[in-house]
Amino acid sequence: MVRVREYVRADGTRVREHSRWAPGARREMSVLATIALVVVGFAGTSGSGSAEGSGKPKPRPRSTAVYPVKFPDWDRPRARPKPTVSYPIPWDRSH
């Protein structure tokens, strides 16, 4: 990136110091980014693993779920919850 120093234009406008792309750098960067995307795209489609090149399809994952889903003690109701304190809690009910 090119660093542009602070200057004053002919009409008296003051321009702060800033940086900008060098001439042609945007086009070069877009070409480089396009090439990188193409390389990543081809690398993702080539596949990996031992089945590659052998002509065999890769095994697909199978579902291990058992339906209907049952939870332990689902049919039996549990005992009522017990209070955590055994003494009465005084509440100020004057408000």
N, C-alpha and C. Protein backbone atom coordinates (compact mmCIF):
# COMPACT_ATOMS: atom_id res chain seq x y z
N MET A 1 0.83 -1.17 0.00
CA MET A 1 0.00 0.00 0.00
C MET A 1 0.89 1.24 0.00
N VAL A 2 0.43 2.20 -0.74
CA VAL A 2 1.16 3.45 -0.85
C VAL A 2 0.68 4.39 0.24
N ARG A 3 1.62 5.05 0.90
CA ARG A 3 1.28 6.01 1.96
C ARG A 3 1.30 7.41 1.35
N VAL A 4 0.17 8.13 1.43
CA VAL A 4 0.07 9.49 0.89
C VAL A 4 0.16 10.46 2.07
N ARG A 5 1.13 11.36 2.00
CA ARG A 5 1.30 12.33 3.09
C ARG A 5 0.22 13.41 3.04
N GLU A 6 0.08 14.12 4.14
CA GLU A 6 -0.89 15.21 4.21
C GLU A 6 -0.46 16.32 3.25
N TYR A 7 -1.46 16.90 2.54
CA TYR A 7 -1.15 17.99 1.62
C TYR A 7 -2.35 18.91 1.49
N VAL A 8 -2.15 20.03 0.82
CA VAL A 8 -3.21 21.01 0.59
C VAL A 8 -3.43 21.10 -0.92
N ARG A 9 -4.68 20.95 -1.35
CA ARG A 9 -5.01 21.02 -2.76
C ARG A 9 -4.92 22.48 -3.24
N ALA A 10 -5.00 22.64 -4.54
CA ALA A 10 -4.90 23.98 -5.14
C ALA A 10 -6.05 24.88 -4.70
N ASP A 11 -7.21 24.27 -4.42
CA ASP A 11 -8.36 25.09 -4.00
C ASP A 11 -8.36 25.37 -2.50
N GLY A 12 -7.30 24.93 -1.78
CA GLY A 12 -7.18 25.20 -0.36
C GLY A 12 -7.71 24.10 0.54
N THR A 13 -8.23 23.01 -0.01
CA THR A 13 -8.75 21.91 0.77
C THR A 13 -7.59 21.12 1.35
N ARG A 14 -7.64 20.88 2.64
CA ARG A 14 -6.58 20.12 3.32
C ARG A 14 -6.92 18.63 3.26
N VAL A 15 -5.98 17.78 2.83
CA VAL A 15 -6.16 16.34 2.72
C VAL A 15 -5.30 15.67 3.78
N ARG A 16 -5.93 14.83 4.61
CA ARG A 16 -5.19 14.14 5.67
C ARG A 16 -4.30 13.05 5.10
N GLU A 17 -3.34 12.62 5.88
CA GLU A 17 -2.47 11.52 5.49
C GLU A 17 -3.29 10.23 5.43
N HIS A 18 -3.08 9.43 4.39
CA HIS A 18 -3.83 8.19 4.22
C HIS A 18 -3.02 7.21 3.39
N SER A 19 -3.53 6.00 3.30
CA SER A 19 -2.87 5.00 2.47
C SER A 19 -3.86 4.55 1.40
N ARG A 20 -3.32 4.12 0.26
CA ARG A 20 -4.19 3.67 -0.83
C ARG A 20 -3.48 2.54 -1.57
N TRP A 21 -4.25 1.81 -2.38
CA TRP A 21 -3.69 0.73 -3.16
C TRP A 21 -2.75 1.30 -4.22
N ALA A 22 -1.71 0.59 -4.51
CA ALA A 22 -0.81 0.99 -5.60
C ALA A 22 -1.54 0.79 -6.92
N PRO A 23 -1.17 1.53 -7.96
CA PRO A 23 -1.84 1.36 -9.25
C PRO A 23 -1.73 -0.09 -9.74
N GLY A 24 -2.86 -0.69 -10.12
CA GLY A 24 -2.88 -2.06 -10.61
C GLY A 24 -2.97 -3.12 -9.52
N ALA A 25 -2.86 -2.75 -8.26
CA ALA A 25 -2.85 -3.73 -7.17
C ALA A 25 -4.22 -4.38 -6.98
N ARG A 26 -5.29 -3.65 -7.20
CA ARG A 26 -6.62 -4.24 -7.03
C ARG A 26 -6.87 -5.34 -8.05
N ARG A 27 -6.46 -5.09 -9.29
CA ARG A 27 -6.64 -6.11 -10.32
C ARG A 27 -5.80 -7.34 -10.00
N GLU A 28 -4.56 -7.12 -9.59
CA GLU A 28 -3.69 -8.25 -9.24
C GLU A 28 -4.27 -9.05 -8.08
N MET A 29 -4.81 -8.36 -7.08
CA MET A 29 -5.39 -9.05 -5.92
C MET A 29 -6.63 -9.83 -6.32
N SER A 30 -7.45 -9.27 -7.21
CA SER A 30 -8.65 -10.00 -7.64
C SER A 30 -8.27 -11.24 -8.45
N VAL A 31 -7.24 -11.15 -9.28
CA VAL A 31 -6.78 -12.32 -10.03
C VAL A 31 -6.26 -13.38 -9.07
N LEU A 32 -5.48 -12.98 -8.09
CA LEU A 32 -4.94 -13.91 -7.10
C LEU A 32 -6.06 -14.58 -6.30
N ALA A 33 -7.07 -13.79 -5.89
CA ALA A 33 -8.19 -14.36 -5.13
C ALA A 33 -8.99 -15.34 -5.98
N THR A 34 -9.18 -15.04 -7.27
CA THR A 34 -9.90 -15.95 -8.16
C THR A 34 -9.15 -17.26 -8.31
N ILE A 35 -7.84 -17.19 -8.50
CA ILE A 35 -7.03 -18.40 -8.62
C ILE A 35 -7.11 -19.22 -7.33
N ALA A 36 -7.05 -18.56 -6.19
CA ALA A 36 -7.13 -19.27 -4.91
C ALA A 36 -8.49 -19.97 -4.76
N LEU A 37 -9.56 -19.31 -5.15
CA LEU A 37 -10.89 -19.93 -5.06
C LEU A 37 -11.00 -21.14 -5.98
N VAL A 38 -10.43 -21.05 -7.16
CA VAL A 38 -10.47 -22.18 -8.09
C VAL A 38 -9.68 -23.35 -7.52
N VAL A 39 -8.51 -23.09 -6.93
CA VAL A 39 -7.69 -24.15 -6.35
C VAL A 39 -8.43 -24.81 -5.19
N VAL A 40 -9.03 -24.00 -4.33
CA VAL A 40 -9.77 -24.56 -3.19
C VAL A 40 -10.98 -25.34 -3.69
N GLY A 41 -11.64 -24.86 -4.72
CA GLY A 41 -12.80 -25.58 -5.27
C GLY A 41 -12.43 -26.92 -5.84
N PHE A 42 -11.32 -27.01 -6.59
CA PHE A 42 -10.90 -28.29 -7.14
C PHE A 42 -10.38 -29.22 -6.05
N ALA A 43 -9.75 -28.68 -5.02
CA ALA A 43 -9.25 -29.52 -3.94
C ALA A 43 -10.40 -30.14 -3.15
N GLY A 44 -11.51 -29.43 -3.03
CA GLY A 44 -12.66 -29.95 -2.29
C GLY A 44 -13.41 -31.01 -3.05
N THR A 45 -13.35 -31.02 -4.39
CA THR A 45 -14.11 -31.99 -5.16
C THR A 45 -13.32 -33.25 -5.47
N SER A 46 -12.02 -33.25 -5.19
CA SER A 46 -11.22 -34.43 -5.54
C SER A 46 -11.47 -35.60 -4.61
N GLY A 47 -11.96 -35.38 -3.40
CA GLY A 47 -12.24 -36.46 -2.46
C GLY A 47 -10.98 -36.91 -1.76
N SER A 48 -11.15 -37.79 -0.77
CA SER A 48 -10.00 -38.32 -0.04
C SER A 48 -10.38 -39.67 0.55
N GLY A 49 -9.39 -40.40 0.98
CA GLY A 49 -9.65 -41.70 1.59
C GLY A 49 -9.16 -42.82 0.71
N SER A 50 -9.30 -44.05 1.21
CA SER A 50 -8.78 -45.21 0.49
C SER A 50 -9.66 -45.62 -0.68
N ALA A 51 -10.92 -45.22 -0.70
CA ALA A 51 -11.82 -45.61 -1.78
C ALA A 51 -11.54 -44.82 -3.06
N GLU A 52 -10.75 -43.76 -2.96
CA GLU A 52 -10.46 -42.95 -4.13
C GLU A 52 -9.60 -43.73 -5.12
N GLY A 53 -9.98 -43.71 -6.35
CA GLY A 53 -9.20 -44.39 -7.37
C GLY A 53 -9.54 -45.86 -7.50
N SER A 54 -10.18 -46.47 -6.54
CA SER A 54 -10.49 -47.90 -6.61
C SER A 54 -11.82 -48.14 -7.31
N GLY A 55 -12.59 -47.09 -7.57
CA GLY A 55 -13.86 -47.25 -8.25
C GLY A 55 -15.00 -47.63 -7.33
N LYS A 56 -14.72 -47.89 -6.06
CA LYS A 56 -15.77 -48.27 -5.12
C LYS A 56 -16.39 -47.00 -4.52
N PRO A 57 -17.71 -47.01 -4.33
CA PRO A 57 -18.32 -45.86 -3.67
C PRO A 57 -17.99 -45.88 -2.17
N LYS A 58 -17.91 -44.72 -1.60
CA LYS A 58 -17.63 -44.63 -0.16
C LYS A 58 -18.86 -45.08 0.62
N PRO A 59 -18.66 -45.73 1.75
CA PRO A 59 -19.82 -46.18 2.55
C PRO A 59 -20.57 -44.98 3.12
N ARG A 60 -21.89 -45.10 3.14
CA ARG A 60 -22.71 -44.03 3.70
C ARG A 60 -23.02 -44.34 5.16
N PRO A 61 -23.08 -43.34 5.98
CA PRO A 61 -23.38 -43.59 7.39
C PRO A 61 -24.82 -44.08 7.56
N ARG A 62 -25.02 -44.97 8.50
CA ARG A 62 -26.36 -45.49 8.79
C ARG A 62 -26.88 -44.88 10.08
N SER A 63 -28.17 -44.76 10.17
CA SER A 63 -28.79 -44.22 11.37
C SER A 63 -28.73 -45.25 12.49
N THR A 64 -28.42 -44.81 13.70
CA THR A 64 -28.40 -45.70 14.85
C THR A 64 -29.57 -45.41 15.80
N ALA A 65 -30.48 -44.56 15.37
CA ALA A 65 -31.61 -44.20 16.23
C ALA A 65 -32.62 -45.33 16.29
N VAL A 66 -33.25 -45.48 17.46
CA VAL A 66 -34.29 -46.49 17.66
C VAL A 66 -35.58 -45.73 17.98
N TYR A 67 -36.59 -45.96 17.13
CA TYR A 67 -37.86 -45.28 17.33
C TYR A 67 -38.91 -46.29 17.73
N PRO A 68 -39.86 -45.97 18.55
CA PRO A 68 -40.04 -44.72 19.26
C PRO A 68 -39.02 -44.57 20.39
N VAL A 69 -38.66 -43.34 20.68
CA VAL A 69 -37.69 -43.06 21.73
C VAL A 69 -38.37 -43.26 23.08
N LYS A 70 -37.72 -44.04 23.95
CA LYS A 70 -38.27 -44.29 25.29
C LYS A 70 -37.26 -43.79 26.32
N PHE A 71 -37.78 -43.11 27.33
CA PHE A 71 -36.96 -42.64 28.43
C PHE A 71 -37.24 -43.51 29.64
N PRO A 72 -36.21 -43.74 30.48
CA PRO A 72 -36.45 -44.58 31.66
C PRO A 72 -37.49 -43.95 32.59
N ASP A 73 -38.36 -44.78 33.14
CA ASP A 73 -39.41 -44.35 34.10
C ASP A 73 -40.34 -43.30 33.51
N TRP A 74 -40.56 -43.32 32.21
CA TRP A 74 -41.43 -42.34 31.59
C TRP A 74 -42.88 -42.56 32.01
N ASP A 75 -43.28 -43.80 32.18
CA ASP A 75 -44.67 -44.11 32.51
C ASP A 75 -44.97 -43.95 33.99
N ARG A 76 -43.96 -44.07 34.85
CA ARG A 76 -44.17 -43.98 36.29
C ARG A 76 -44.03 -42.54 36.77
N PRO A 77 -45.06 -42.00 37.42
CA PRO A 77 -44.91 -40.65 37.96
C PRO A 77 -43.96 -40.66 39.16
N ARG A 78 -43.20 -39.65 39.28
CA ARG A 78 -42.26 -39.56 40.40
C ARG A 78 -42.97 -39.02 41.63
N ALA A 79 -42.32 -39.19 42.78
CA ALA A 79 -42.89 -38.68 44.03
C ALA A 79 -42.89 -37.15 43.98
N ARG A 80 -43.78 -36.58 44.75
CA ARG A 80 -43.84 -35.12 44.79
C ARG A 80 -42.55 -34.55 45.35
N PRO A 81 -42.15 -33.40 44.93
CA PRO A 81 -40.93 -32.80 45.46
C PRO A 81 -41.10 -32.46 46.94
N LYS A 82 -40.03 -32.60 47.66
CA LYS A 82 -40.06 -32.31 49.09
C LYS A 82 -39.51 -30.91 49.33
N PRO A 83 -40.02 -30.22 50.31
CA PRO A 83 -39.51 -28.88 50.59
C PRO A 83 -38.05 -28.95 51.04
N THR A 84 -37.32 -27.90 50.73
CA THR A 84 -35.90 -27.89 51.08
C THR A 84 -35.66 -27.41 52.50
N VAL A 85 -36.64 -26.78 53.11
CA VAL A 85 -36.50 -26.34 54.51
C VAL A 85 -37.64 -26.94 55.32
N SER A 86 -37.37 -27.17 56.59
CA SER A 86 -38.40 -27.77 57.43
C SER A 86 -39.01 -26.76 58.41
N TYR A 87 -38.66 -25.52 58.30
CA TYR A 87 -39.20 -24.51 59.21
C TYR A 87 -40.00 -23.50 58.39
N PRO A 88 -40.96 -22.85 59.00
CA PRO A 88 -41.75 -21.86 58.26
C PRO A 88 -40.90 -20.60 57.97
N ILE A 89 -41.09 -20.04 56.83
CA ILE A 89 -40.37 -18.82 56.47
C ILE A 89 -41.33 -17.66 56.67
N PRO A 90 -40.97 -16.72 57.55
CA PRO A 90 -41.87 -15.58 57.78
C PRO A 90 -41.79 -14.59 56.61
N TRP A 91 -42.94 -14.28 56.04
CA TRP A 91 -42.99 -13.30 54.96
C TRP A 91 -43.63 -12.04 55.47
N ASP A 92 -43.08 -10.92 55.11
CA ASP A 92 -43.66 -9.64 55.51
C ASP A 92 -44.79 -9.33 54.54
N ARG A 93 -46.03 -9.47 54.98
CA ARG A 93 -47.17 -9.30 54.11
C ARG A 93 -47.84 -7.93 54.31
N SER A 94 -47.14 -7.00 54.92
CA SER A 94 -47.73 -5.69 55.18
C SER A 94 -47.73 -4.81 53.92
N HIS A 95 -47.05 -5.18 52.90
CA HIS A 95 -46.95 -4.35 51.69
C HIS A 95 -47.97 -4.73 50.71
